[in-house]
Amino acid sequence: MDEAKTRLTAGGRLVLPARFRRALGLKVGDEVVLCLSGREVRMMAPREAVRRAQELVRRHVPRGTALSQELLRDRRAETRSE
C-alpha cells in the first residue's frame, strides 16, 4: 500500500499528493467520493464508487437479468392498475 503524510489546512483542505491524483486519474475540479468507516476516511473517484455499487448489485441479481427492463415492466403494470 502506498502511503503519504499530508497536512490539514485552513477550511479543512487536504493536499492529495500528485502520485495519488495520477493513480486515481483525478484532475483539478474533479469530484471525489469520501466514505467514513469507523475512524478511517476512504476516498475514491466517482467511477470507482459506481463500479463497486454495480459489483454489489451483481452479487444479488441472477446473470442475464436486466433490472432496467424489470423496472419498466413493473411501472407499466402499476400504470395499468391505476
N, C-alpha and C. Protein backbone atom coordinates (compact mmCIF):
# COMPACT_ATOMS: atom_id res chain seq x y z
N MET A 1 0.85 -1.17 0.00
CA MET A 1 0.00 0.00 0.00
C MET A 1 0.90 1.24 0.00
N ASP A 2 0.56 2.18 -0.87
CA ASP A 2 1.30 3.44 -0.96
C ASP A 2 0.75 4.38 0.11
N GLU A 3 1.62 4.99 0.88
CA GLU A 3 1.21 5.90 1.94
C GLU A 3 1.92 7.23 1.79
N ALA A 4 1.29 8.27 2.33
CA ALA A 4 1.90 9.60 2.34
C ALA A 4 1.36 10.37 3.53
N LYS A 5 2.16 11.30 4.01
CA LYS A 5 1.72 12.20 5.07
C LYS A 5 1.39 13.53 4.45
N THR A 6 0.33 14.17 4.93
CA THR A 6 -0.05 15.49 4.44
C THR A 6 -0.66 16.25 5.61
N ARG A 7 -0.92 17.53 5.42
CA ARG A 7 -1.49 18.35 6.49
C ARG A 7 -2.88 18.84 6.12
N LEU A 8 -3.69 18.96 7.15
CA LEU A 8 -5.00 19.58 7.01
C LEU A 8 -4.77 21.08 7.12
N THR A 9 -5.25 21.84 6.13
CA THR A 9 -5.03 23.28 6.14
C THR A 9 -6.33 24.01 6.45
N ALA A 10 -6.29 25.33 6.40
CA ALA A 10 -7.45 26.16 6.71
C ALA A 10 -8.66 25.71 5.90
N GLY A 11 -9.80 25.73 6.56
CA GLY A 11 -11.04 25.36 5.88
C GLY A 11 -11.19 23.87 5.69
N GLY A 12 -10.33 23.08 6.35
CA GLY A 12 -10.43 21.63 6.24
C GLY A 12 -9.86 21.07 4.95
N ARG A 13 -9.07 21.85 4.26
CA ARG A 13 -8.49 21.39 2.98
C ARG A 13 -7.36 20.41 3.24
N LEU A 14 -7.26 19.47 2.33
CA LEU A 14 -6.24 18.44 2.42
C LEU A 14 -5.54 18.35 1.08
N VAL A 15 -4.23 18.36 1.08
CA VAL A 15 -3.48 18.25 -0.16
C VAL A 15 -3.27 16.78 -0.47
N LEU A 16 -3.73 16.38 -1.64
CA LEU A 16 -3.56 14.99 -2.09
C LEU A 16 -2.30 14.95 -2.97
N PRO A 17 -1.31 14.17 -2.58
CA PRO A 17 -0.06 14.12 -3.36
C PRO A 17 -0.32 13.79 -4.84
N ALA A 18 0.52 14.36 -5.69
CA ALA A 18 0.37 14.20 -7.14
C ALA A 18 0.31 12.73 -7.55
N ARG A 19 1.14 11.88 -6.96
CA ARG A 19 1.14 10.47 -7.37
C ARG A 19 -0.19 9.79 -7.05
N PHE A 20 -0.87 10.24 -6.00
CA PHE A 20 -2.19 9.69 -5.67
C PHE A 20 -3.21 10.18 -6.69
N ARG A 21 -3.15 11.48 -7.03
CA ARG A 21 -4.08 12.03 -8.03
C ARG A 21 -3.91 11.31 -9.35
N ARG A 22 -2.68 11.10 -9.76
CA ARG A 22 -2.42 10.38 -11.02
C ARG A 22 -2.96 8.96 -10.96
N ALA A 23 -2.71 8.27 -9.86
CA ALA A 23 -3.16 6.88 -9.72
C ALA A 23 -4.69 6.76 -9.80
N LEU A 24 -5.39 7.80 -9.30
CA LEU A 24 -6.85 7.81 -9.33
C LEU A 24 -7.41 8.47 -10.59
N GLY A 25 -6.53 9.04 -11.40
CA GLY A 25 -6.98 9.72 -12.61
C GLY A 25 -7.73 11.00 -12.32
N LEU A 26 -7.36 11.69 -11.24
CA LEU A 26 -8.05 12.91 -10.82
C LEU A 26 -7.35 14.15 -11.34
N LYS A 27 -8.17 15.13 -11.70
CA LYS A 27 -7.66 16.42 -12.16
C LYS A 27 -8.33 17.52 -11.33
N VAL A 28 -7.78 18.72 -11.37
CA VAL A 28 -8.33 19.85 -10.63
C VAL A 28 -9.81 20.01 -10.99
N GLY A 29 -10.65 20.12 -9.97
CA GLY A 29 -12.08 20.32 -10.19
C GLY A 29 -12.88 19.03 -10.20
N ASP A 30 -12.21 17.86 -10.27
CA ASP A 30 -12.93 16.59 -10.24
C ASP A 30 -13.57 16.38 -8.88
N GLU A 31 -14.70 15.67 -8.88
CA GLU A 31 -15.34 15.29 -7.63
C GLU A 31 -14.74 13.99 -7.14
N VAL A 32 -14.78 13.80 -5.83
CA VAL A 32 -14.36 12.55 -5.23
C VAL A 32 -15.45 12.09 -4.26
N VAL A 33 -15.45 10.81 -3.96
CA VAL A 33 -16.39 10.25 -3.00
C VAL A 33 -15.61 9.91 -1.74
N LEU A 34 -16.09 10.40 -0.60
CA LEU A 34 -15.47 10.10 0.69
C LEU A 34 -16.37 9.17 1.47
N CYS A 35 -15.78 8.15 2.08
CA CYS A 35 -16.53 7.21 2.90
C CYS A 35 -15.90 7.18 4.28
N LEU A 36 -16.72 7.39 5.31
CA LEU A 36 -16.25 7.33 6.69
C LEU A 36 -16.54 5.93 7.20
N SER A 37 -15.50 5.22 7.56
CA SER A 37 -15.62 3.84 8.05
C SER A 37 -14.93 3.76 9.40
N GLY A 38 -15.72 3.83 10.47
CA GLY A 38 -15.13 3.87 11.80
C GLY A 38 -14.35 5.15 11.96
N ARG A 39 -13.07 5.03 12.20
CA ARG A 39 -12.21 6.21 12.37
C ARG A 39 -11.28 6.36 11.18
N GLU A 40 -11.74 5.93 10.02
CA GLU A 40 -10.94 5.96 8.81
C GLU A 40 -11.75 6.60 7.68
N VAL A 41 -11.09 7.42 6.88
CA VAL A 41 -11.73 8.03 5.71
C VAL A 41 -11.13 7.39 4.47
N ARG A 42 -12.00 6.96 3.57
CA ARG A 42 -11.56 6.41 2.29
C ARG A 42 -12.04 7.33 1.19
N MET A 43 -11.21 7.51 0.20
CA MET A 43 -11.56 8.39 -0.91
C MET A 43 -11.44 7.62 -2.21
N MET A 44 -12.38 7.86 -3.11
CA MET A 44 -12.31 7.22 -4.42
C MET A 44 -12.90 8.12 -5.47
N ALA A 45 -12.53 7.85 -6.70
CA ALA A 45 -13.11 8.57 -7.83
C ALA A 45 -14.55 8.08 -7.99
N PRO A 46 -15.46 8.94 -8.44
CA PRO A 46 -16.86 8.52 -8.62
C PRO A 46 -17.01 7.26 -9.47
N ARG A 47 -16.20 7.11 -10.52
CA ARG A 47 -16.33 5.92 -11.37
C ARG A 47 -16.02 4.64 -10.58
N GLU A 48 -15.14 4.74 -9.59
CA GLU A 48 -14.84 3.58 -8.74
C GLU A 48 -16.02 3.28 -7.82
N ALA A 49 -16.65 4.33 -7.30
CA ALA A 49 -17.83 4.14 -6.45
C ALA A 49 -18.94 3.46 -7.24
N VAL A 50 -19.14 3.88 -8.48
CA VAL A 50 -20.16 3.26 -9.35
C VAL A 50 -19.80 1.80 -9.61
N ARG A 51 -18.52 1.54 -9.92
CA ARG A 51 -18.09 0.17 -10.19
C ARG A 51 -18.36 -0.73 -8.98
N ARG A 52 -18.06 -0.22 -7.78
CA ARG A 52 -18.30 -1.01 -6.57
C ARG A 52 -19.78 -1.26 -6.34
N ALA A 53 -20.60 -0.24 -6.59
CA ALA A 53 -22.05 -0.41 -6.44
C ALA A 53 -22.57 -1.45 -7.42
N GLN A 54 -22.10 -1.39 -8.65
CA GLN A 54 -22.52 -2.37 -9.66
C GLN A 54 -22.09 -3.78 -9.26
N GLU A 55 -20.90 -3.90 -8.71
CA GLU A 55 -20.41 -5.20 -8.26
C GLU A 55 -21.28 -5.76 -7.14
N LEU A 56 -21.69 -4.90 -6.21
CA LEU A 56 -22.56 -5.34 -5.12
C LEU A 56 -23.91 -5.81 -5.65
N VAL A 57 -24.48 -5.07 -6.58
CA VAL A 57 -25.77 -5.44 -7.15
C VAL A 57 -25.66 -6.77 -7.89
N ARG A 58 -24.57 -6.93 -8.65
CA ARG A 58 -24.37 -8.17 -9.42
C ARG A 58 -24.37 -9.41 -8.54
N ARG A 59 -23.92 -9.27 -7.31
CA ARG A 59 -23.89 -10.42 -6.39
C ARG A 59 -25.29 -10.93 -6.08
N HIS A 60 -26.29 -10.04 -6.19
CA HIS A 60 -27.65 -10.40 -5.79
C HIS A 60 -28.63 -10.52 -6.94
N VAL A 61 -28.16 -10.31 -8.15
CA VAL A 61 -29.04 -10.37 -9.32
C VAL A 61 -28.54 -11.50 -10.23
N PRO A 62 -29.44 -12.42 -10.57
CA PRO A 62 -29.03 -13.53 -11.45
C PRO A 62 -28.48 -13.03 -12.78
N ARG A 63 -27.47 -13.72 -13.29
CA ARG A 63 -26.87 -13.37 -14.58
C ARG A 63 -27.95 -13.37 -15.66
N GLY A 64 -27.88 -12.40 -16.55
CA GLY A 64 -28.85 -12.30 -17.64
C GLY A 64 -30.10 -11.50 -17.28
N THR A 65 -30.22 -11.11 -16.02
CA THR A 65 -31.38 -10.32 -15.60
C THR A 65 -31.10 -8.85 -15.89
N ALA A 66 -32.05 -8.21 -16.58
CA ALA A 66 -31.92 -6.79 -16.89
C ALA A 66 -32.82 -6.02 -15.92
N LEU A 67 -32.23 -5.43 -14.91
CA LEU A 67 -33.01 -4.72 -13.90
C LEU A 67 -33.80 -3.57 -14.50
N SER A 68 -33.24 -2.91 -15.50
CA SER A 68 -33.96 -1.79 -16.12
C SER A 68 -35.24 -2.29 -16.79
N GLN A 69 -35.17 -3.44 -17.43
CA GLN A 69 -36.36 -4.00 -18.08
C GLN A 69 -37.39 -4.42 -17.03
N GLU A 70 -36.94 -4.98 -15.93
CA GLU A 70 -37.87 -5.35 -14.85
C GLU A 70 -38.55 -4.12 -14.27
N LEU A 71 -37.79 -3.05 -14.09
CA LEU A 71 -38.35 -1.81 -13.57
C LEU A 71 -39.42 -1.26 -14.52
N LEU A 72 -39.11 -1.22 -15.81
CA LEU A 72 -40.09 -0.74 -16.80
C LEU A 72 -41.35 -1.59 -16.78
N ARG A 73 -41.18 -2.90 -16.73
CA ARG A 73 -42.33 -3.81 -16.69
C ARG A 73 -43.19 -3.54 -15.46
N ASP A 74 -42.54 -3.36 -14.30
CA ASP A 74 -43.28 -3.07 -13.06
C ASP A 74 -44.03 -1.75 -13.14
N ARG A 75 -43.36 -0.72 -13.68
CA ARG A 75 -44.01 0.60 -13.79
C ARG A 75 -45.21 0.56 -14.73
N ARG A 76 -45.07 -0.16 -15.84
CA ARG A 76 -46.19 -0.29 -16.77
C ARG A 76 -47.36 -1.01 -16.13
N ALA A 77 -47.06 -2.06 -15.36
CA ALA A 77 -48.11 -2.79 -14.66
C ALA A 77 -48.81 -1.88 -13.64
N GLU A 78 -48.04 -1.06 -12.93
CA GLU A 78 -48.62 -0.13 -11.97
C GLU A 78 -49.51 0.89 -12.66
N THR A 79 -49.07 1.38 -13.81
CA THR A 79 -49.84 2.38 -14.57
C THR A 79 -51.16 1.77 -15.03
N ARG A 80 -51.13 0.54 -15.51
CA ARG A 80 -52.36 -0.12 -15.97
C ARG A 80 -53.33 -0.34 -14.84
N SER A 81 -52.83 -0.61 -13.63
CA SER A 81 -53.72 -0.91 -12.50
C SER A 81 -54.28 0.34 -11.82
N GLU A 82 -53.81 1.53 -12.23
CA GLU A 82 -54.31 2.77 -11.60
C GLU A 82 -55.61 3.21 -12.21
